[in-house]
């Protein structure tokens, strides 16, 4: 079994949902998986040593790093509408609240 690091995360909540930021330096989009299964969210990714074309690595302190972390999603969150963005080694996930858990304005009638 290959060892995986738990990427550090920051989680922020607002009235419409949560935003999760995971530090995954060196991970590219094609080496990243974000999966949702019912109320479980899983992120996995790996970095690879970039060797210039025509060269080979003679020594590398770190060849690759593997990241893995799982989260339980609250039932008020909408796992079907998660959006993901990867920029500068930071994975940003936006997980909205289900429609029935989002705030709504009630119009007041007169008369």
N, C-alpha and C. Protein backbone atom coordinates (compact mmCIF):
# COMPACT_ATOMS: atom_id res chain seq x y z
N UNK A 1 0.84 -1.19 0.00
CA UNK A 1 0.00 0.00 0.00
C UNK A 1 0.89 1.25 0.00
N UNK A 2 0.60 2.16 -0.90
CA UNK A 2 1.38 3.38 -1.04
C UNK A 2 0.92 4.42 -0.02
N UNK A 3 1.87 5.08 0.61
CA UNK A 3 1.58 6.10 1.61
C UNK A 3 1.04 7.36 0.93
N UNK A 4 0.04 7.97 1.53
CA UNK A 4 -0.53 9.22 0.99
C UNK A 4 -0.55 10.28 2.09
N UNK A 5 -0.24 11.50 1.71
CA UNK A 5 -0.32 12.63 2.63
C UNK A 5 -1.75 13.15 2.68
N UNK A 6 -2.14 13.66 3.83
CA UNK A 6 -3.43 14.35 3.95
C UNK A 6 -3.20 15.81 3.64
N UNK A 7 -3.75 16.30 2.53
CA UNK A 7 -3.51 17.71 2.22
C UNK A 7 -4.17 18.61 3.26
N UNK A 8 -3.49 19.68 3.67
CA UNK A 8 -4.12 20.62 4.59
C UNK A 8 -5.27 21.34 3.89
N UNK A 9 -6.35 21.56 4.62
CA UNK A 9 -7.53 22.21 4.04
C UNK A 9 -8.01 23.36 4.92
N UNK A 10 -8.67 24.31 4.27
CA UNK A 10 -9.41 25.36 4.95
C UNK A 10 -10.84 25.24 4.44
N UNK A 11 -11.81 25.37 5.34
CA UNK A 11 -13.22 25.27 4.97
C UNK A 11 -13.94 26.51 5.48
N UNK A 12 -14.66 27.16 4.57
CA UNK A 12 -15.41 28.37 4.89
C UNK A 12 -16.88 28.14 4.56
N UNK A 13 -17.76 28.71 5.38
CA UNK A 13 -19.20 28.56 5.14
C UNK A 13 -19.85 29.93 5.00
N UNK A 14 -20.80 30.02 4.08
CA UNK A 14 -21.66 31.19 3.99
C UNK A 14 -23.10 30.68 3.89
N UNK A 15 -24.04 31.59 3.69
CA UNK A 15 -25.45 31.18 3.70
C UNK A 15 -25.83 30.27 2.53
N UNK A 16 -25.03 30.23 1.49
CA UNK A 16 -25.35 29.44 0.29
C UNK A 16 -24.60 28.11 0.20
N UNK A 17 -23.58 27.90 1.05
CA UNK A 17 -22.83 26.65 1.00
C UNK A 17 -21.46 26.77 1.64
N UNK A 18 -20.58 25.83 1.29
CA UNK A 18 -19.23 25.86 1.83
C UNK A 18 -18.21 25.88 0.69
N UNK A 19 -17.05 26.42 1.01
CA UNK A 19 -15.91 26.43 0.10
C UNK A 19 -14.77 25.71 0.81
N UNK A 20 -14.19 24.73 0.13
CA UNK A 20 -13.10 23.95 0.68
C UNK A 20 -11.85 24.23 -0.16
N UNK A 21 -10.76 24.60 0.49
CA UNK A 21 -9.48 24.85 -0.17
C UNK A 21 -8.49 23.79 0.30
N UNK A 22 -7.94 23.02 -0.63
CA UNK A 22 -6.97 21.97 -0.29
C UNK A 22 -5.64 22.27 -0.97
N UNK A 23 -4.56 22.31 -0.18
CA UNK A 23 -3.22 22.54 -0.71
C UNK A 23 -2.67 21.24 -1.27
N UNK A 24 -2.47 21.21 -2.59
CA UNK A 24 -1.96 20.02 -3.27
C UNK A 24 -0.88 20.42 -4.27
N UNK A 25 0.26 20.94 -3.78
CA UNK A 25 1.30 21.44 -4.69
C UNK A 25 1.83 20.36 -5.62
N UNK A 26 2.04 20.76 -6.87
CA UNK A 26 2.60 19.84 -7.86
C UNK A 26 1.60 18.94 -8.54
N UNK A 27 0.34 18.96 -8.10
CA UNK A 27 -0.69 18.10 -8.69
C UNK A 27 -1.30 18.81 -9.89
N UNK A 28 -1.38 18.10 -11.01
CA UNK A 28 -2.01 18.65 -12.21
C UNK A 28 -3.42 18.09 -12.35
N UNK A 29 -4.22 18.72 -13.20
CA UNK A 29 -5.62 18.32 -13.38
C UNK A 29 -5.74 16.85 -13.78
N UNK A 30 -4.84 16.37 -14.64
CA UNK A 30 -4.94 14.99 -15.10
C UNK A 30 -4.49 13.96 -14.06
N UNK A 31 -3.94 14.43 -12.94
CA UNK A 31 -3.53 13.52 -11.86
C UNK A 31 -4.35 13.77 -10.59
N UNK A 32 -5.56 14.30 -10.78
CA UNK A 32 -6.43 14.66 -9.66
C UNK A 32 -7.80 14.01 -9.84
N UNK A 33 -8.33 13.44 -8.77
CA UNK A 33 -9.67 12.85 -8.77
C UNK A 33 -10.47 13.43 -7.61
N UNK A 34 -11.68 13.88 -7.92
CA UNK A 34 -12.62 14.34 -6.90
C UNK A 34 -13.87 13.49 -7.09
N UNK A 35 -14.25 12.74 -6.07
CA UNK A 35 -15.39 11.83 -6.17
C UNK A 35 -16.38 12.08 -5.04
N UNK A 36 -17.66 11.93 -5.38
CA UNK A 36 -18.74 12.01 -4.38
C UNK A 36 -19.54 10.72 -4.47
N UNK A 37 -19.76 10.10 -3.33
CA UNK A 37 -20.60 8.90 -3.26
C UNK A 37 -21.54 9.09 -2.07
N UNK A 38 -22.78 9.40 -2.39
CA UNK A 38 -23.80 9.73 -1.39
C UNK A 38 -23.33 10.90 -0.53
N UNK A 39 -22.99 10.64 0.73
CA UNK A 39 -22.58 11.74 1.62
C UNK A 39 -21.07 11.73 1.89
N UNK A 40 -20.30 11.10 1.00
CA UNK A 40 -18.86 11.02 1.17
C UNK A 40 -18.15 11.71 0.01
N UNK A 41 -17.23 12.63 0.34
CA UNK A 41 -16.43 13.34 -0.65
C UNK A 41 -14.99 12.89 -0.51
N UNK A 42 -14.35 12.53 -1.61
CA UNK A 42 -12.98 12.06 -1.59
C UNK A 42 -12.15 12.83 -2.61
N UNK A 43 -10.97 13.28 -2.19
CA UNK A 43 -10.04 13.92 -3.12
C UNK A 43 -8.74 13.13 -3.10
N UNK A 44 -8.20 12.87 -4.28
CA UNK A 44 -6.95 12.15 -4.42
C UNK A 44 -6.16 12.79 -5.55
N UNK A 45 -4.87 12.88 -5.37
CA UNK A 45 -4.03 13.43 -6.42
C UNK A 45 -2.59 13.05 -6.19
N UNK A 46 -1.80 13.19 -7.24
CA UNK A 46 -0.37 12.91 -7.10
C UNK A 46 0.42 13.86 -7.98
N UNK A 47 1.60 14.16 -7.52
CA UNK A 47 2.52 14.98 -8.30
C UNK A 47 3.55 14.02 -8.91
N UNK A 48 4.22 14.47 -9.94
CA UNK A 48 5.24 13.65 -10.57
C UNK A 48 6.47 14.49 -10.86
N UNK A 49 7.60 13.86 -10.84
CA UNK A 49 8.85 14.54 -11.16
C UNK A 49 8.87 14.82 -12.66
N UNK A 50 8.98 16.09 -13.01
CA UNK A 50 9.04 16.48 -14.42
C UNK A 50 10.49 16.40 -14.88
N UNK A 51 10.77 15.50 -15.81
CA UNK A 51 12.12 15.33 -16.36
C UNK A 51 12.11 15.88 -17.78
N UNK A 52 13.00 16.82 -18.07
CA UNK A 52 13.04 17.38 -19.43
C UNK A 52 13.27 16.29 -20.48
N UNK A 53 12.68 16.50 -21.65
CA UNK A 53 12.79 15.53 -22.73
C UNK A 53 14.26 15.30 -23.09
N UNK A 54 14.62 14.03 -23.26
CA UNK A 54 15.98 13.67 -23.61
C UNK A 54 16.90 13.52 -22.42
N UNK A 55 16.38 13.70 -21.21
CA UNK A 55 17.19 13.58 -20.00
C UNK A 55 16.58 12.51 -19.10
N UNK A 56 17.38 12.06 -18.15
CA UNK A 56 16.86 11.14 -17.14
C UNK A 56 17.32 11.61 -15.77
N UNK A 57 16.54 11.29 -14.76
CA UNK A 57 16.85 11.72 -13.40
C UNK A 57 17.95 10.83 -12.82
N UNK A 58 19.02 11.45 -12.35
CA UNK A 58 20.09 10.70 -11.68
C UNK A 58 19.87 10.67 -10.18
N UNK A 59 19.26 11.73 -9.67
CA UNK A 59 18.98 11.80 -8.23
C UNK A 59 17.73 12.66 -8.04
N UNK A 60 16.84 12.22 -7.18
CA UNK A 60 15.65 13.02 -6.84
C UNK A 60 15.29 12.71 -5.39
N UNK A 61 15.30 13.74 -4.55
CA UNK A 61 14.92 13.54 -3.15
C UNK A 61 13.46 13.14 -3.03
N UNK A 62 12.62 13.74 -3.86
CA UNK A 62 11.19 13.41 -3.85
C UNK A 62 10.78 13.13 -5.29
N UNK A 63 10.39 11.91 -5.57
CA UNK A 63 9.97 11.56 -6.94
C UNK A 63 8.52 11.97 -7.18
N UNK A 64 7.68 11.65 -6.26
CA UNK A 64 6.28 12.04 -6.39
C UNK A 64 5.65 12.10 -5.01
N UNK A 65 4.58 12.82 -4.93
CA UNK A 65 3.83 12.92 -3.68
C UNK A 65 2.39 12.54 -3.97
N UNK A 66 1.82 11.72 -3.12
CA UNK A 66 0.44 11.30 -3.28
C UNK A 66 -0.38 11.90 -2.14
N UNK A 67 -1.54 12.47 -2.50
CA UNK A 67 -2.44 13.09 -1.53
C UNK A 67 -3.77 12.35 -1.52
N UNK A 68 -4.38 12.23 -0.35
CA UNK A 68 -5.70 11.61 -0.26
C UNK A 68 -6.38 12.13 1.00
N UNK A 69 -7.65 12.48 0.85
CA UNK A 69 -8.42 12.92 2.01
C UNK A 69 -9.90 12.71 1.71
N UNK A 70 -10.65 12.34 2.74
CA UNK A 70 -12.09 12.12 2.60
C UNK A 70 -12.85 12.93 3.63
N UNK A 71 -14.07 13.29 3.27
CA UNK A 71 -14.93 14.09 4.14
C UNK A 71 -16.34 13.53 4.10
N UNK A 72 -17.05 13.65 5.22
CA UNK A 72 -18.47 13.33 5.25
C UNK A 72 -19.24 14.62 4.99
N UNK A 73 -20.18 14.55 4.07
CA UNK A 73 -20.98 15.72 3.73
C UNK A 73 -22.27 15.74 4.53
N UNK A 74 -22.61 16.89 5.05
CA UNK A 74 -23.87 17.09 5.75
C UNK A 74 -25.02 16.89 4.76
N UNK A 75 -26.14 16.44 5.24
CA UNK A 75 -27.31 16.22 4.37
C UNK A 75 -27.86 17.52 3.79
N UNK A 76 -27.49 18.65 4.39
CA UNK A 76 -27.97 19.93 3.85
C UNK A 76 -27.17 20.39 2.64
N UNK A 77 -26.04 19.70 2.35
CA UNK A 77 -25.20 20.07 1.20
C UNK A 77 -25.61 19.28 -0.05
N UNK A 78 -25.46 19.92 -1.20
CA UNK A 78 -25.86 19.35 -2.49
C UNK A 78 -24.64 18.78 -3.20
N UNK A 79 -24.37 17.51 -2.98
CA UNK A 79 -23.21 16.85 -3.58
C UNK A 79 -23.28 16.72 -5.09
N UNK A 80 -24.46 16.89 -5.66
CA UNK A 80 -24.64 16.78 -7.11
C UNK A 80 -24.17 18.03 -7.85
N UNK A 81 -24.01 19.14 -7.17
CA UNK A 81 -23.67 20.41 -7.82
C UNK A 81 -22.36 21.02 -7.34
N UNK A 82 -21.42 20.17 -6.99
CA UNK A 82 -20.10 20.63 -6.56
C UNK A 82 -19.32 21.14 -7.78
N UNK A 83 -18.64 22.26 -7.61
CA UNK A 83 -17.74 22.74 -8.66
C UNK A 83 -16.31 22.68 -8.13
N UNK A 84 -15.36 22.43 -9.04
CA UNK A 84 -13.96 22.28 -8.65
C UNK A 84 -13.07 23.12 -9.56
N UNK A 85 -12.04 23.72 -8.95
CA UNK A 85 -11.07 24.51 -9.70
C UNK A 85 -9.69 24.25 -9.10
N UNK A 86 -8.70 24.06 -9.96
CA UNK A 86 -7.32 23.84 -9.51
C UNK A 86 -6.46 24.96 -10.06
N UNK A 87 -5.82 25.71 -9.15
CA UNK A 87 -4.97 26.82 -9.58
C UNK A 87 -3.81 26.97 -8.60
N UNK A 88 -2.60 27.02 -9.13
CA UNK A 88 -1.39 27.23 -8.32
C UNK A 88 -1.28 26.26 -7.16
N UNK A 89 -1.63 24.99 -7.39
CA UNK A 89 -1.50 23.97 -6.36
C UNK A 89 -2.59 23.96 -5.30
N UNK A 90 -3.63 24.77 -5.50
CA UNK A 90 -4.74 24.82 -4.55
C UNK A 90 -6.01 24.35 -5.24
N UNK A 91 -6.62 23.30 -4.70
CA UNK A 91 -7.90 22.81 -5.19
C UNK A 91 -9.00 23.54 -4.44
N UNK A 92 -9.91 24.18 -5.17
CA UNK A 92 -11.04 24.89 -4.57
C UNK A 92 -12.32 24.16 -4.94
N UNK A 93 -13.04 23.70 -3.94
CA UNK A 93 -14.34 23.06 -4.15
C UNK A 93 -15.42 23.95 -3.58
N UNK A 94 -16.46 24.18 -4.36
CA UNK A 94 -17.63 24.93 -3.89
C UNK A 94 -18.77 23.93 -3.79
N UNK A 95 -19.29 23.77 -2.58
CA UNK A 95 -20.36 22.81 -2.33
C UNK A 95 -21.58 23.59 -1.86
N UNK A 96 -22.58 23.74 -2.73
CA UNK A 96 -23.76 24.53 -2.35
C UNK A 96 -24.67 23.77 -1.39
N UNK A 97 -25.46 24.53 -0.66
CA UNK A 97 -26.51 23.91 0.16
C UNK A 97 -27.66 23.52 -0.75
N UNK A 98 -28.39 22.49 -0.35
CA UNK A 98 -29.58 22.10 -1.11
C UNK A 98 -30.56 23.27 -1.11
N UNK A 99 -31.34 23.34 -2.16
CA UNK A 99 -32.27 24.46 -2.35
C UNK A 99 -33.13 24.71 -1.10
N UNK A 100 -33.62 23.65 -0.48
CA UNK A 100 -34.50 23.82 0.68
C UNK A 100 -33.76 24.34 1.91
N UNK A 101 -32.44 24.32 1.89
CA UNK A 101 -31.66 24.82 3.02
C UNK A 101 -31.06 26.20 2.76
N UNK A 102 -31.33 26.76 1.59
CA UNK A 102 -30.82 28.09 1.27
C UNK A 102 -31.81 29.14 1.74
N UNK A 103 -31.30 30.29 2.14
CA UNK A 103 -32.21 31.35 2.59
C UNK A 103 -33.05 31.86 1.43
N UNK A 104 -34.25 32.27 1.75
CA UNK A 104 -35.11 32.85 0.72
C UNK A 104 -35.86 34.02 1.32
N UNK A 105 -36.18 34.95 0.47
CA UNK A 105 -36.88 36.15 0.91
C UNK A 105 -38.38 35.90 0.81
N UNK A 106 -39.09 36.27 1.84
CA UNK A 106 -40.55 36.15 1.87
C UNK A 106 -41.14 37.52 1.59
N UNK A 107 -41.95 37.58 0.56
CA UNK A 107 -42.59 38.85 0.22
C UNK A 107 -43.78 39.08 1.15
N UNK A 108 -43.84 40.26 1.70
CA UNK A 108 -44.92 40.61 2.63
C UNK A 108 -46.03 41.32 1.85
N UNK A 109 -47.24 40.83 2.02
CA UNK A 109 -48.42 41.42 1.37
C UNK A 109 -49.07 42.43 2.32
N UNK A 110 -49.72 43.40 1.78
CA UNK A 110 -50.47 44.36 2.60
C UNK A 110 -51.94 44.25 2.27
N UNK A 111 -52.76 44.68 3.23
CA UNK A 111 -54.20 44.77 2.98
C UNK A 111 -54.95 43.65 3.41
